[in-house]
């Protein structure tokens, strides 16, 4: 019967050892779960920052498109005004040339 008592003690040691291993594994699992929760929280924060940055980028891109459109319109108006200026300059040269020719005719007449 001593052998059985010894086996009973051996079984208690094995149970205590298994319980200790289970507690250690549970502690490691809790630690890993905590790390996972922390990483998940950081990922959510980074995702939120990325969404915010993407929204700001879209807004800036929209403003850039609007400014580009206004610049094209202003450039078109500038080309039109420049064309009118060239036309007026050409008319002024023609008028000046006619006036000068009339002056020469008048000067030669007298």
N, C-alpha and C. Protein backbone atom coordinates (compact mmCIF):
# COMPACT_ATOMS: atom_id res chain seq x y z
N UNK A 1 0.80 -1.18 0.00
CA UNK A 1 0.00 0.00 0.00
C UNK A 1 0.85 1.25 0.00
N UNK A 2 2.07 1.11 0.44
CA UNK A 2 2.92 2.27 0.41
C UNK A 2 3.13 2.71 -1.03
N UNK A 3 3.19 1.75 -1.93
CA UNK A 3 3.37 2.08 -3.34
C UNK A 3 2.23 2.92 -3.85
N UNK A 4 1.03 2.58 -3.41
CA UNK A 4 -0.11 3.36 -3.86
C UNK A 4 -0.08 4.77 -3.28
N UNK A 5 0.35 4.85 -2.02
CA UNK A 5 0.47 6.16 -1.40
C UNK A 5 1.50 6.99 -2.13
N UNK A 6 2.58 6.33 -2.53
CA UNK A 6 3.61 7.04 -3.28
C UNK A 6 3.09 7.50 -4.62
N UNK A 7 2.28 6.65 -5.24
CA UNK A 7 1.71 7.04 -6.53
C UNK A 7 0.72 8.18 -6.35
N UNK A 8 0.01 8.17 -5.23
CA UNK A 8 -0.92 9.25 -4.94
C UNK A 8 -0.18 10.56 -4.77
N UNK A 9 0.95 10.51 -4.09
CA UNK A 9 1.76 11.71 -3.93
C UNK A 9 2.32 12.16 -5.26
N UNK A 10 2.70 11.18 -6.08
CA UNK A 10 3.23 11.49 -7.41
C UNK A 10 2.14 12.16 -8.25
N UNK A 11 0.90 11.68 -8.15
CA UNK A 11 -0.22 12.27 -8.89
C UNK A 11 -0.49 13.68 -8.44
N UNK A 12 -0.36 13.95 -7.14
CA UNK A 12 -0.57 15.30 -6.63
C UNK A 12 0.52 16.24 -7.17
N UNK A 13 1.77 15.75 -7.22
CA UNK A 13 2.87 16.56 -7.76
C UNK A 13 2.63 16.88 -9.23
N UNK A 14 2.17 15.87 -9.97
CA UNK A 14 1.89 16.09 -11.40
C UNK A 14 0.74 17.08 -11.57
N UNK A 15 -0.29 16.97 -10.72
CA UNK A 15 -1.42 17.89 -10.79
C UNK A 15 -0.97 19.30 -10.45
N UNK A 16 -0.14 19.43 -9.38
CA UNK A 16 0.38 20.75 -9.01
C UNK A 16 1.22 21.34 -10.14
N UNK A 17 2.04 20.48 -10.77
CA UNK A 17 2.90 20.93 -11.87
C UNK A 17 2.05 21.36 -13.07
N UNK A 18 1.02 20.58 -13.38
CA UNK A 18 0.13 20.91 -14.50
C UNK A 18 -0.63 22.21 -14.21
N UNK A 19 -1.06 22.37 -12.96
CA UNK A 19 -1.77 23.59 -12.57
C UNK A 19 -0.85 24.80 -12.71
N UNK A 20 0.41 24.64 -12.29
CA UNK A 20 1.38 25.71 -12.41
C UNK A 20 1.63 26.08 -13.87
N UNK A 21 1.76 25.05 -14.72
CA UNK A 21 1.95 25.29 -16.16
C UNK A 21 0.73 25.99 -16.76
N UNK A 22 -0.46 25.56 -16.33
CA UNK A 22 -1.70 26.16 -16.82
C UNK A 22 -1.76 27.63 -16.41
N UNK A 23 -1.39 27.92 -15.15
CA UNK A 23 -1.39 29.30 -14.68
C UNK A 23 -0.38 30.13 -15.48
N UNK A 24 0.81 29.56 -15.72
CA UNK A 24 1.84 30.26 -16.49
C UNK A 24 1.35 30.52 -17.92
N UNK A 25 0.73 29.51 -18.54
CA UNK A 25 0.22 29.67 -19.91
C UNK A 25 -0.90 30.71 -19.94
N UNK A 26 -1.76 30.70 -18.90
CA UNK A 26 -2.86 31.66 -18.82
C UNK A 26 -2.30 33.08 -18.68
N UNK A 27 -1.24 33.22 -17.87
CA UNK A 27 -0.61 34.52 -17.70
C UNK A 27 0.00 35.01 -19.02
N UNK A 28 0.68 34.09 -19.74
CA UNK A 28 1.26 34.45 -21.05
C UNK A 28 0.16 34.83 -22.03
N UNK A 29 -0.95 34.10 -22.00
CA UNK A 29 -2.08 34.40 -22.89
C UNK A 29 -2.66 35.78 -22.58
N UNK A 30 -2.80 36.09 -21.26
CA UNK A 30 -3.30 37.41 -20.88
C UNK A 30 -2.34 38.50 -21.35
N UNK A 31 -1.05 38.27 -21.20
CA UNK A 31 -0.05 39.24 -21.64
C UNK A 31 -0.12 39.43 -23.16
N UNK A 32 -0.22 38.31 -23.89
CA UNK A 32 -0.32 38.39 -25.36
C UNK A 32 -1.60 39.10 -25.77
N UNK A 33 -2.69 38.82 -25.07
CA UNK A 33 -3.97 39.47 -25.37
C UNK A 33 -3.87 40.98 -25.12
N UNK A 34 -3.20 41.34 -24.02
CA UNK A 34 -3.01 42.76 -23.70
C UNK A 34 -2.18 43.45 -24.78
N UNK A 35 -1.11 42.77 -25.24
CA UNK A 35 -0.28 43.33 -26.32
C UNK A 35 -1.10 43.47 -27.61
N UNK A 36 -1.93 42.47 -27.89
CA UNK A 36 -2.78 42.51 -29.08
C UNK A 36 -3.77 43.67 -28.99
N UNK A 37 -4.37 43.85 -27.79
CA UNK A 37 -5.30 44.97 -27.60
C UNK A 37 -4.59 46.31 -27.81
N UNK A 38 -3.37 46.41 -27.29
CA UNK A 38 -2.59 47.63 -27.45
C UNK A 38 -2.27 47.88 -28.93
N UNK A 39 -1.84 46.83 -29.63
CA UNK A 39 -1.53 46.96 -31.06
C UNK A 39 -2.78 47.31 -31.86
N UNK A 40 -3.91 46.71 -31.49
CA UNK A 40 -5.18 47.02 -32.17
C UNK A 40 -5.55 48.48 -31.96
N UNK A 41 -5.35 48.97 -30.74
CA UNK A 41 -5.65 50.38 -30.43
C UNK A 41 -4.75 51.30 -31.25
N UNK A 42 -3.45 50.97 -31.34
CA UNK A 42 -2.53 51.78 -32.14
C UNK A 42 -2.92 51.76 -33.61
N UNK A 43 -3.34 50.59 -34.08
CA UNK A 43 -3.76 50.46 -35.48
C UNK A 43 -5.00 51.32 -35.75
N UNK A 44 -5.96 51.30 -34.80
CA UNK A 44 -7.16 52.13 -34.97
C UNK A 44 -6.79 53.61 -35.00
N UNK A 45 -5.87 54.00 -34.11
CA UNK A 45 -5.44 55.40 -34.06
C UNK A 45 -4.75 55.79 -35.37
N UNK A 46 -3.86 54.92 -35.85
CA UNK A 46 -3.16 55.20 -37.11
C UNK A 46 -4.13 55.26 -38.28
N UNK A 47 -5.12 54.37 -38.27
CA UNK A 47 -6.13 54.37 -39.33
C UNK A 47 -6.93 55.66 -39.31
N UNK A 48 -7.27 56.13 -38.10
CA UNK A 48 -8.00 57.39 -37.97
C UNK A 48 -7.17 58.56 -38.49
N UNK A 49 -5.88 58.57 -38.13
CA UNK A 49 -4.99 59.64 -38.62
C UNK A 49 -4.87 59.58 -40.14
N UNK A 50 -4.79 58.38 -40.69
CA UNK A 50 -4.69 58.21 -42.14
C UNK A 50 -5.96 58.73 -42.82
N UNK A 51 -7.12 58.43 -42.24
CA UNK A 51 -8.38 58.92 -42.82
C UNK A 51 -8.41 60.45 -42.79
N UNK A 52 -7.97 61.02 -41.68
CA UNK A 52 -7.94 62.48 -41.55
C UNK A 52 -7.00 63.09 -42.58
N UNK A 53 -5.81 62.50 -42.71
CA UNK A 53 -4.84 63.01 -43.69
C UNK A 53 -5.38 62.87 -45.11
N UNK A 54 -6.05 61.76 -45.39
CA UNK A 54 -6.63 61.55 -46.72
C UNK A 54 -7.70 62.60 -47.00
N UNK A 55 -8.51 62.92 -45.99
CA UNK A 55 -9.55 63.94 -46.15
C UNK A 55 -8.92 65.30 -46.42
N UNK A 56 -7.86 65.63 -45.68
CA UNK A 56 -7.17 66.90 -45.89
C UNK A 56 -6.56 66.94 -47.29
N UNK A 57 -6.00 65.82 -47.73
CA UNK A 57 -5.42 65.76 -49.07
C UNK A 57 -6.48 65.97 -50.14
N UNK A 58 -7.65 65.34 -49.95
CA UNK A 58 -8.74 65.54 -50.93
C UNK A 58 -9.16 67.00 -50.97
N UNK A 59 -9.26 67.61 -49.80
CA UNK A 59 -9.65 69.03 -49.73
C UNK A 59 -8.62 69.90 -50.43
N UNK A 60 -7.35 69.64 -50.14
CA UNK A 60 -6.28 70.42 -50.78
C UNK A 60 -6.27 70.21 -52.29
N UNK A 61 -6.51 68.99 -52.72
CA UNK A 61 -6.55 68.68 -54.16
C UNK A 61 -7.70 69.42 -54.82
N UNK A 62 -8.85 69.47 -54.14
CA UNK A 62 -10.00 70.19 -54.66
C UNK A 62 -9.69 71.69 -54.79
N UNK A 63 -9.06 72.25 -53.76
CA UNK A 63 -8.68 73.66 -53.81
C UNK A 63 -7.68 73.91 -54.94
N UNK A 64 -6.76 72.97 -55.13
CA UNK A 64 -5.79 73.10 -56.22
C UNK A 64 -6.48 73.09 -57.57
N UNK A 65 -7.45 72.20 -57.75
CA UNK A 65 -8.20 72.15 -59.01
C UNK A 65 -8.94 73.46 -59.25
N UNK A 66 -9.54 73.98 -58.18
CA UNK A 66 -10.26 75.25 -58.29
C UNK A 66 -9.31 76.39 -58.66
N UNK A 67 -8.17 76.44 -57.99
CA UNK A 67 -7.18 77.49 -58.29
C UNK A 67 -6.65 77.35 -59.71
N UNK A 68 -6.44 76.12 -60.15
CA UNK A 68 -5.96 75.88 -61.51
C UNK A 68 -6.99 76.36 -62.53
N UNK A 69 -8.26 76.10 -62.24
CA UNK A 69 -9.33 76.54 -63.13
C UNK A 69 -9.37 78.07 -63.20
N UNK A 70 -9.25 78.71 -62.03
CA UNK A 70 -9.23 80.18 -62.01
C UNK A 70 -8.02 80.73 -62.76
N UNK A 71 -6.89 80.07 -62.61
CA UNK A 71 -5.69 80.50 -63.32
C UNK A 71 -5.88 80.37 -64.83
N UNK A 72 -6.49 79.27 -65.27
CA UNK A 72 -6.74 79.10 -66.71
C UNK A 72 -7.66 80.20 -67.22
N UNK A 73 -8.70 80.52 -66.45
CA UNK A 73 -9.64 81.58 -66.84
C UNK A 73 -8.92 82.93 -66.94
N UNK A 74 -8.09 83.22 -65.92
CA UNK A 74 -7.34 84.49 -65.93
C UNK A 74 -6.36 84.54 -67.09
N UNK A 75 -5.72 83.41 -67.37
CA UNK A 75 -4.78 83.35 -68.48
C UNK A 75 -5.50 83.59 -69.81
N UNK A 76 -6.70 83.01 -69.93
CA UNK A 76 -7.49 83.21 -71.14
C UNK A 76 -7.87 84.68 -71.31
N UNK A 77 -8.28 85.32 -70.20
CA UNK A 77 -8.61 86.74 -70.24
C UNK A 77 -7.38 87.58 -70.60
N UNK A 78 -6.23 87.19 -70.07
CA UNK A 78 -4.99 87.90 -70.37
C UNK A 78 -4.64 87.79 -71.86
N UNK A 79 -4.81 86.58 -72.41
CA UNK A 79 -4.56 86.39 -73.86
C UNK A 79 -5.50 87.27 -74.68
N UNK A 80 -6.77 87.31 -74.26
CA UNK A 80 -7.76 88.12 -74.97
C UNK A 80 -7.38 89.60 -74.91
N UNK A 81 -7.02 90.07 -73.70
CA UNK A 81 -6.62 91.48 -73.53
C UNK A 81 -5.36 91.79 -74.33
N UNK A 82 -4.42 90.84 -74.34
CA UNK A 82 -3.18 91.04 -75.11
C UNK A 82 -3.48 91.13 -76.59
N UNK A 83 -4.41 90.29 -77.05
CA UNK A 83 -4.81 90.32 -78.46
C UNK A 83 -5.44 91.67 -78.81
N UNK A 84 -6.31 92.17 -77.92
CA UNK A 84 -6.93 93.48 -78.14
C UNK A 84 -5.88 94.59 -78.14
N UNK A 85 -4.90 94.48 -77.25
CA UNK A 85 -3.83 95.46 -77.19
C UNK A 85 -3.02 95.47 -78.49
N UNK A 86 -2.72 94.28 -79.00
CA UNK A 86 -1.99 94.19 -80.28
C UNK A 86 -2.80 94.83 -81.41
N UNK A 87 -4.11 94.55 -81.40
CA UNK A 87 -4.98 95.12 -82.42
C UNK A 87 -5.00 96.64 -82.32
N UNK A 88 -5.14 97.16 -81.09
CA UNK A 88 -5.16 98.63 -80.90
C UNK A 88 -3.82 99.24 -81.27
N UNK A 89 -2.74 98.56 -80.95
CA UNK A 89 -1.40 99.06 -81.30
C UNK A 89 -1.24 99.11 -82.81
N UNK A 90 -1.75 98.08 -83.48
CA UNK A 90 -1.68 98.04 -84.94
C UNK A 90 -2.48 99.19 -85.55
N UNK A 91 -3.68 99.44 -85.00
CA UNK A 91 -4.51 100.55 -85.48
C UNK A 91 -3.82 101.89 -85.22
N UNK A 92 -3.19 102.02 -84.06
CA UNK A 92 -2.49 103.26 -83.72
C UNK A 92 -1.33 103.49 -84.68
N UNK A 93 -0.58 102.44 -85.00
CA UNK A 93 0.53 102.57 -85.95
C UNK A 93 0.02 103.00 -87.32
N UNK A 94 -1.08 102.37 -87.74
CA UNK A 94 -1.66 102.72 -89.04
C UNK A 94 -2.11 104.17 -89.05
N UNK A 95 -2.78 104.58 -87.99
CA UNK A 95 -3.25 105.96 -87.90
C UNK A 95 -2.08 106.94 -87.86
N UNK A 96 -1.05 106.59 -87.08
CA UNK A 96 0.14 107.45 -87.00
C UNK A 96 0.81 107.56 -88.36
N UNK A 97 0.88 106.46 -89.06
CA UNK A 97 1.50 106.46 -90.39
C UNK A 97 0.72 107.34 -91.35
N UNK A 98 -0.62 107.26 -91.30
CA UNK A 98 -1.45 108.10 -92.17
C UNK A 98 -1.29 109.58 -91.80
N UNK A 99 -1.29 109.87 -90.52
CA UNK A 99 -1.13 111.25 -90.07
C UNK A 99 0.22 111.80 -90.51
N UNK A 100 1.27 111.00 -90.38
CA UNK A 100 2.60 111.43 -90.78
C UNK A 100 2.66 111.66 -92.29
N UNK A 101 2.00 110.79 -93.05
CA UNK A 101 1.97 110.96 -94.51
C UNK A 101 1.24 112.25 -94.87
N UNK A 102 0.13 112.52 -94.18
CA UNK A 102 -0.60 113.76 -94.42
C UNK A 102 0.25 114.98 -94.05
N UNK A 103 0.99 114.88 -92.97
CA UNK A 103 1.87 115.97 -92.57
C UNK A 103 2.92 116.24 -93.63
N UNK A 104 3.51 115.15 -94.17
CA UNK A 104 4.54 115.32 -95.21
C UNK A 104 3.93 115.96 -96.46
N UNK A 105 2.71 115.52 -96.80
CA UNK A 105 2.06 116.11 -97.96
C UNK A 105 1.79 117.60 -97.72
N UNK A 106 1.32 117.92 -96.55
CA UNK A 106 1.02 119.31 -96.19
C UNK A 106 2.30 120.14 -96.17
N UNK A 107 3.35 119.57 -95.61
CA UNK A 107 4.63 120.30 -95.54
C UNK A 107 5.19 120.52 -96.93
N UNK A 108 5.06 119.56 -97.82
CA UNK A 108 5.56 119.71 -99.19
C UNK A 108 4.68 120.66 -100.01
N UNK A 109 3.40 120.75 -99.67
CA UNK A 109 2.50 121.64 -100.38
C UNK A 109 2.86 123.08 -100.13
N UNK A 110 3.27 123.38 -98.91
CA UNK A 110 3.60 124.76 -98.56
C UNK A 110 5.07 124.89 -98.63
